[in-house]
């Protein structure tokens, strides 16, 4: 299962080009904090589940999600440093209400569950439902690809890594008989395969730019995938006409 943790770690590192760009330009531009807030919440929630499972059963879950919490926290700190006033205030409110408030509520409510085995089951269901919601979100990026006939914001490498990650964690859940880990990753695998098939179908299609499709209008994980691609677009697209490189107009685990 070490391979699964390695793949998950690489997925956590996917937004690095985005934050290098933010650091270099000293501005968050059109990027959003929501994908990283959601990723942090997911890591926190799964870490709590791993802690409840205890050692040695939860060691792999605890390890990768501890790293995930640290990485996503660093991303959000960098974002807060360079975000303009209103965006910074919104991000702080999001972190307080979602990452602290909602997470604290889960901790508080589950603490009243008597037996540790029952607590593991309750938190496992919460993790599974949240994971399903996150894994289902690629439907939006799939719809965008079909509508525009462009895979610009659905990079094959990212789709492949996410699919491989889902496969690894599915087999881990299967091996340790953990329904809450295995079942959501079936959905992650299916959506990952769908994205890669779409990529192969539309990779040579003429790109259709939607000038009114703003980054802010995208669901969190779709915006995250767009964010992960933006830096590569800027670095490698110096010879592309400016109308096709307008990052603000067309625009990210276990």
Protein backbone atom coordinates (compact mmCIF):
# COMPACT_ATOMS: atom_id res chain seq x y z
CA UNK A 1 0.00 0.00 0.00
CA UNK A 2 3.11 2.18 0.02
CA UNK A 3 2.50 2.74 -3.72
CA UNK A 4 -0.96 4.13 -2.92
CA UNK A 5 0.55 6.63 -0.49
CA UNK A 6 3.16 7.65 -3.07
CA UNK A 7 0.49 8.27 -5.73
CA UNK A 8 -1.63 10.20 -3.21
CA UNK A 9 1.42 12.30 -2.31
CA UNK A 10 1.99 13.14 -5.99
CA UNK A 11 -1.67 14.19 -6.30
CA UNK A 12 -1.23 16.50 -3.30
CA UNK A 13 1.77 18.07 -5.08
CA UNK A 14 -0.19 18.71 -8.30
CA UNK A 15 -1.08 22.36 -7.40
CA UNK A 16 2.59 23.31 -6.84
CA UNK A 17 2.88 25.13 -10.22
CA UNK A 18 -0.21 27.18 -9.30
CA UNK A 19 1.30 28.32 -6.02
CA UNK A 20 4.67 28.98 -7.61
CA UNK A 21 2.83 31.30 -9.97
CA UNK A 22 1.01 32.98 -7.06
CA UNK A 23 4.33 33.45 -5.23
CA UNK A 24 6.08 34.75 -8.35
CA UNK A 25 3.33 37.24 -9.22
CA UNK A 26 2.53 38.10 -5.59
CA UNK A 27 -1.15 37.74 -6.48
CA UNK A 28 -3.82 35.03 -6.39
CA UNK A 29 -5.33 36.46 -9.61
CA UNK A 30 -8.48 34.46 -10.45
CA UNK A 31 -7.60 31.40 -8.39
CA UNK A 32 -9.94 30.15 -5.65
CA UNK A 33 -9.24 28.82 -2.16
CA UNK A 34 -12.27 26.50 -2.20
CA UNK A 35 -10.52 23.45 -3.80
CA UNK A 36 -7.75 23.57 -1.19
CA UNK A 37 -10.20 24.09 1.66
CA UNK A 38 -12.15 21.03 0.49
CA UNK A 39 -8.93 19.00 0.12
CA UNK A 40 -7.85 20.02 3.64
CA UNK A 41 -11.25 19.07 5.07
CA UNK A 42 -11.11 15.69 3.32
CA UNK A 43 -7.62 15.02 4.70
CA UNK A 44 -8.67 16.10 8.22
CA UNK A 45 -11.77 13.92 8.13
CA UNK A 46 -9.94 10.85 6.84
CA UNK A 47 -7.12 11.43 9.35
CA UNK A 48 -9.70 11.38 12.16
CA UNK A 49 -11.07 8.12 10.76
CA UNK A 50 -7.56 6.63 10.67
CA UNK A 51 -6.89 7.69 14.27
CA UNK A 52 -10.14 6.05 15.39
CA UNK A 53 -9.14 2.82 13.63
CA UNK A 54 -5.89 2.91 15.60
CA UNK A 55 -2.57 1.22 14.96
CA UNK A 56 -1.62 -0.78 13.00
CA UNK A 57 -4.89 -0.78 11.00
CA UNK A 58 -4.91 2.96 10.40
CA UNK A 59 -1.20 3.62 9.89
CA UNK A 60 -1.38 4.13 6.11
CA UNK A 61 -4.43 6.38 6.40
CA UNK A 62 -2.84 8.42 9.21
CA UNK A 63 0.48 8.81 7.36
CA UNK A 64 -0.76 10.15 4.02
CA UNK A 65 -3.50 12.32 5.45
CA UNK A 66 -1.15 13.91 7.99
CA UNK A 67 1.06 14.86 5.05
CA UNK A 68 -2.02 16.02 3.14
CA UNK A 69 -3.12 18.27 6.01
CA UNK A 70 0.35 19.84 6.15
CA UNK A 71 0.59 20.41 2.38
CA UNK A 72 -2.92 21.85 2.02
CA UNK A 73 -2.35 24.11 5.05
CA UNK A 74 0.80 25.49 3.40
CA UNK A 75 -1.13 26.11 0.17
CA UNK A 76 -3.82 28.02 2.08
CA UNK A 77 -1.27 30.08 4.04
CA UNK A 78 0.40 31.13 0.78
CA UNK A 79 -3.02 31.92 -0.68
CA UNK A 80 -3.94 34.10 2.32
CA UNK A 81 -0.64 35.99 2.13
CA UNK A 82 -1.15 37.06 -1.49
CA UNK A 83 -4.96 37.25 -1.69
CA UNK A 84 -6.57 40.71 -1.99
CA UNK A 85 -8.58 42.00 0.97
CA UNK A 86 -12.06 40.74 0.09
CA UNK A 87 -10.80 37.35 -1.07
CA UNK A 88 -8.70 36.98 2.08
CA UNK A 89 -11.70 37.75 4.30
CA UNK A 90 -13.87 35.27 2.37
CA UNK A 91 -11.18 32.58 2.66
CA UNK A 92 -10.81 33.13 6.41
CA UNK A 93 -14.59 32.86 6.83
CA UNK A 94 -14.58 29.66 4.75
CA UNK A 95 -11.82 28.12 6.88
CA UNK A 96 -13.47 29.12 10.16
CA UNK A 97 -16.97 27.92 9.21
CA UNK A 98 -16.09 24.85 7.13
CA UNK A 99 -12.69 23.53 8.20
CA UNK A 100 -13.03 24.48 11.86
CA UNK A 101 -16.79 24.72 12.44
CA UNK A 102 -18.06 21.73 10.44
CA UNK A 103 -15.09 19.58 11.43
CA UNK A 104 -15.46 20.56 15.09
CA UNK A 105 -19.16 19.70 14.92
CA UNK A 106 -18.31 16.24 13.59
CA UNK A 107 -15.75 15.71 16.36
CA UNK A 108 -18.21 16.88 19.01
CA UNK A 109 -21.18 14.87 17.75
CA UNK A 110 -19.22 11.63 17.31
CA UNK A 111 -17.65 11.95 20.77
CA UNK A 112 -21.06 11.06 22.24
CA UNK A 113 -21.04 7.71 20.45
CA UNK A 114 -20.20 5.18 23.14
CA UNK A 115 -18.18 2.30 21.73
CA UNK A 116 -15.11 3.04 19.61
CA UNK A 117 -16.28 0.52 16.99
CA UNK A 118 -19.55 2.44 16.61
CA UNK A 119 -17.63 5.71 16.35
CA UNK A 120 -15.48 4.23 13.57
CA UNK A 121 -18.65 3.22 11.71
CA UNK A 122 -20.28 6.66 12.04
CA UNK A 123 -17.15 8.55 10.95
CA UNK A 124 -16.58 5.99 8.19
CA UNK A 125 -20.02 6.70 6.76
CA UNK A 126 -19.36 10.46 6.91
CA UNK A 127 -16.06 9.96 5.07
CA UNK A 128 -17.69 7.71 2.48
CA UNK A 129 -20.53 10.15 1.75
CA UNK A 130 -18.10 13.08 1.49
CA UNK A 131 -15.79 11.08 -0.80
CA UNK A 132 -18.69 10.15 -3.08
CA UNK A 133 -19.63 13.85 -3.37
CA UNK A 134 -16.03 14.74 -4.25
CA UNK A 135 -15.67 11.87 -6.74
CA UNK A 136 -18.99 12.76 -8.41
CA UNK A 137 -17.86 16.32 -9.04
CA UNK A 138 -15.88 15.37 -12.23
CA UNK A 139 -19.28 15.16 -13.96
CA UNK A 140 -18.96 18.94 -14.32
CA UNK A 141 -15.56 18.81 -16.02
CA UNK A 142 -16.80 15.94 -18.22
CA UNK A 143 -19.76 18.09 -19.25
CA UNK A 144 -17.41 20.99 -20.00
CA UNK A 145 -15.17 18.80 -22.18
CA UNK A 146 -18.15 17.48 -24.16
CA UNK A 147 -19.57 20.99 -24.56
CA UNK A 148 -16.31 22.64 -25.68
CA UNK A 149 -14.77 19.55 -27.34
CA UNK A 150 -11.56 20.63 -25.60
CA UNK A 151 -9.47 18.76 -23.01
CA UNK A 152 -7.49 21.88 -22.10
CA UNK A 153 -8.69 21.81 -18.50
CA UNK A 154 -8.68 18.03 -18.10
CA UNK A 155 -5.00 17.01 -18.29
CA UNK A 156 -4.45 13.32 -18.94
CA UNK A 157 -1.65 13.00 -16.36
CA UNK A 158 -3.85 14.32 -13.55
CA UNK A 159 -6.78 12.09 -14.56
CA UNK A 160 -4.42 9.10 -14.73
CA UNK A 161 -2.93 9.79 -11.28
CA UNK A 162 -6.37 10.23 -9.71
CA UNK A 163 -7.55 6.98 -11.31
CA UNK A 164 -4.45 5.10 -10.17
CA UNK A 165 -4.90 6.56 -6.68
CA UNK A 166 -8.52 5.34 -6.60
CA UNK A 167 -7.43 1.84 -7.70
CA UNK A 168 -4.72 1.65 -5.02
CA UNK A 169 -7.06 2.72 -2.22
CA UNK A 170 -9.83 0.42 -3.46
CA UNK A 171 -7.55 -2.61 -3.18
CA UNK A 172 -6.29 -1.39 0.19
CA UNK A 173 -9.88 -1.20 1.44
CA UNK A 174 -10.54 -4.63 -0.05
CA UNK A 175 -7.48 -6.19 1.60
CA UNK A 176 -8.23 -4.81 5.06
CA UNK A 177 -11.99 -5.36 4.64
CA UNK A 178 -12.74 -1.62 4.95
CA UNK A 179 -15.98 -0.82 3.12
CA UNK A 180 -15.68 2.91 3.82
CA UNK A 181 -12.34 3.15 2.00
CA UNK A 182 -13.05 0.72 -0.84
CA UNK A 183 -16.56 1.67 -1.97
CA UNK A 184 -16.10 5.42 -2.76
CA UNK A 185 -12.98 4.62 -4.78
CA UNK A 186 -15.02 2.46 -7.17
CA UNK A 187 -16.73 5.69 -8.21
CA UNK A 188 -13.38 7.48 -8.39
CA UNK A 189 -12.04 4.76 -10.69
CA UNK A 190 -15.09 4.87 -13.00
CA UNK A 191 -15.01 8.66 -13.36
CA UNK A 192 -11.24 8.58 -13.88
CA UNK A 193 -11.62 6.05 -16.71
CA UNK A 194 -14.40 8.19 -18.23
CA UNK A 195 -12.13 11.25 -18.17
CA UNK A 196 -9.25 9.41 -19.85
CA UNK A 197 -11.56 8.03 -22.56
CA UNK A 198 -12.87 11.55 -23.21
CA UNK A 199 -9.30 12.81 -23.40
CA UNK A 200 -8.44 10.25 -26.09
CA UNK A 201 -11.62 11.15 -28.01
CA UNK A 202 -11.18 14.93 -27.93
CA UNK A 203 -7.41 15.43 -27.62
CA UNK A 204 -7.07 16.37 -31.31
CA UNK A 205 -10.29 18.36 -31.52
CA UNK A 206 -10.22 22.06 -32.26
CA UNK A 207 -10.48 24.00 -29.01
CA UNK A 208 -13.58 26.05 -28.43
CA UNK A 209 -12.96 28.89 -25.97
CA UNK A 210 -15.88 30.02 -23.82
CA UNK A 211 -15.02 33.66 -23.02
CA UNK A 212 -17.81 34.04 -20.46
CA UNK A 213 -17.05 30.88 -18.50
CA UNK A 214 -15.42 32.23 -15.37
CA UNK A 215 -13.28 30.27 -12.93
CA UNK A 216 -15.60 31.32 -10.12
CA UNK A 217 -18.50 29.56 -11.86
CA UNK A 218 -16.77 26.19 -11.75
CA UNK A 219 -17.38 23.62 -9.01
CA UNK A 220 -14.43 23.25 -6.58
CA UNK A 221 -12.74 20.21 -8.08
CA UNK A 222 -13.21 21.49 -11.64
CA UNK A 223 -11.61 24.78 -10.66
CA UNK A 224 -8.79 22.79 -9.07
CA UNK A 225 -8.14 20.90 -12.30
CA UNK A 226 -8.16 24.18 -14.20
CA UNK A 227 -5.80 25.69 -11.61
CA UNK A 228 -3.41 22.76 -12.02
CA UNK A 229 -3.25 23.39 -15.77
CA UNK A 230 -3.04 27.19 -15.82
CA UNK A 231 0.65 27.45 -15.02
CA UNK A 232 1.60 24.94 -17.73
CA UNK A 233 -0.57 26.89 -20.16
CA UNK A 234 1.26 30.12 -19.36
CA UNK A 235 4.76 28.60 -19.41
CA UNK A 236 4.27 26.59 -22.59
CA UNK A 237 1.86 28.89 -24.36
CA UNK A 238 3.96 31.96 -25.05
CA UNK A 239 3.31 31.61 -28.78
CA UNK A 240 -0.43 31.09 -28.39
CA UNK A 241 -2.61 34.12 -29.23
CA UNK A 242 -3.66 36.08 -26.16
CA UNK A 243 -7.33 35.29 -26.83
CA UNK A 244 -6.51 31.62 -26.13
CA UNK A 245 -4.40 32.34 -23.05
CA UNK A 246 -6.86 34.42 -21.04
CA UNK A 247 -6.54 32.54 -17.74
CA UNK A 248 -9.12 34.61 -15.91
CA UNK A 249 -11.84 34.20 -18.52
CA UNK A 250 -11.62 30.51 -19.16
CA UNK A 251 -10.82 28.81 -16.66
CA UNK A 252 -8.17 20.11 -7.93
CA UNK A 253 -7.63 12.42 -2.84
CA UNK A 254 -8.10 9.77 -0.54
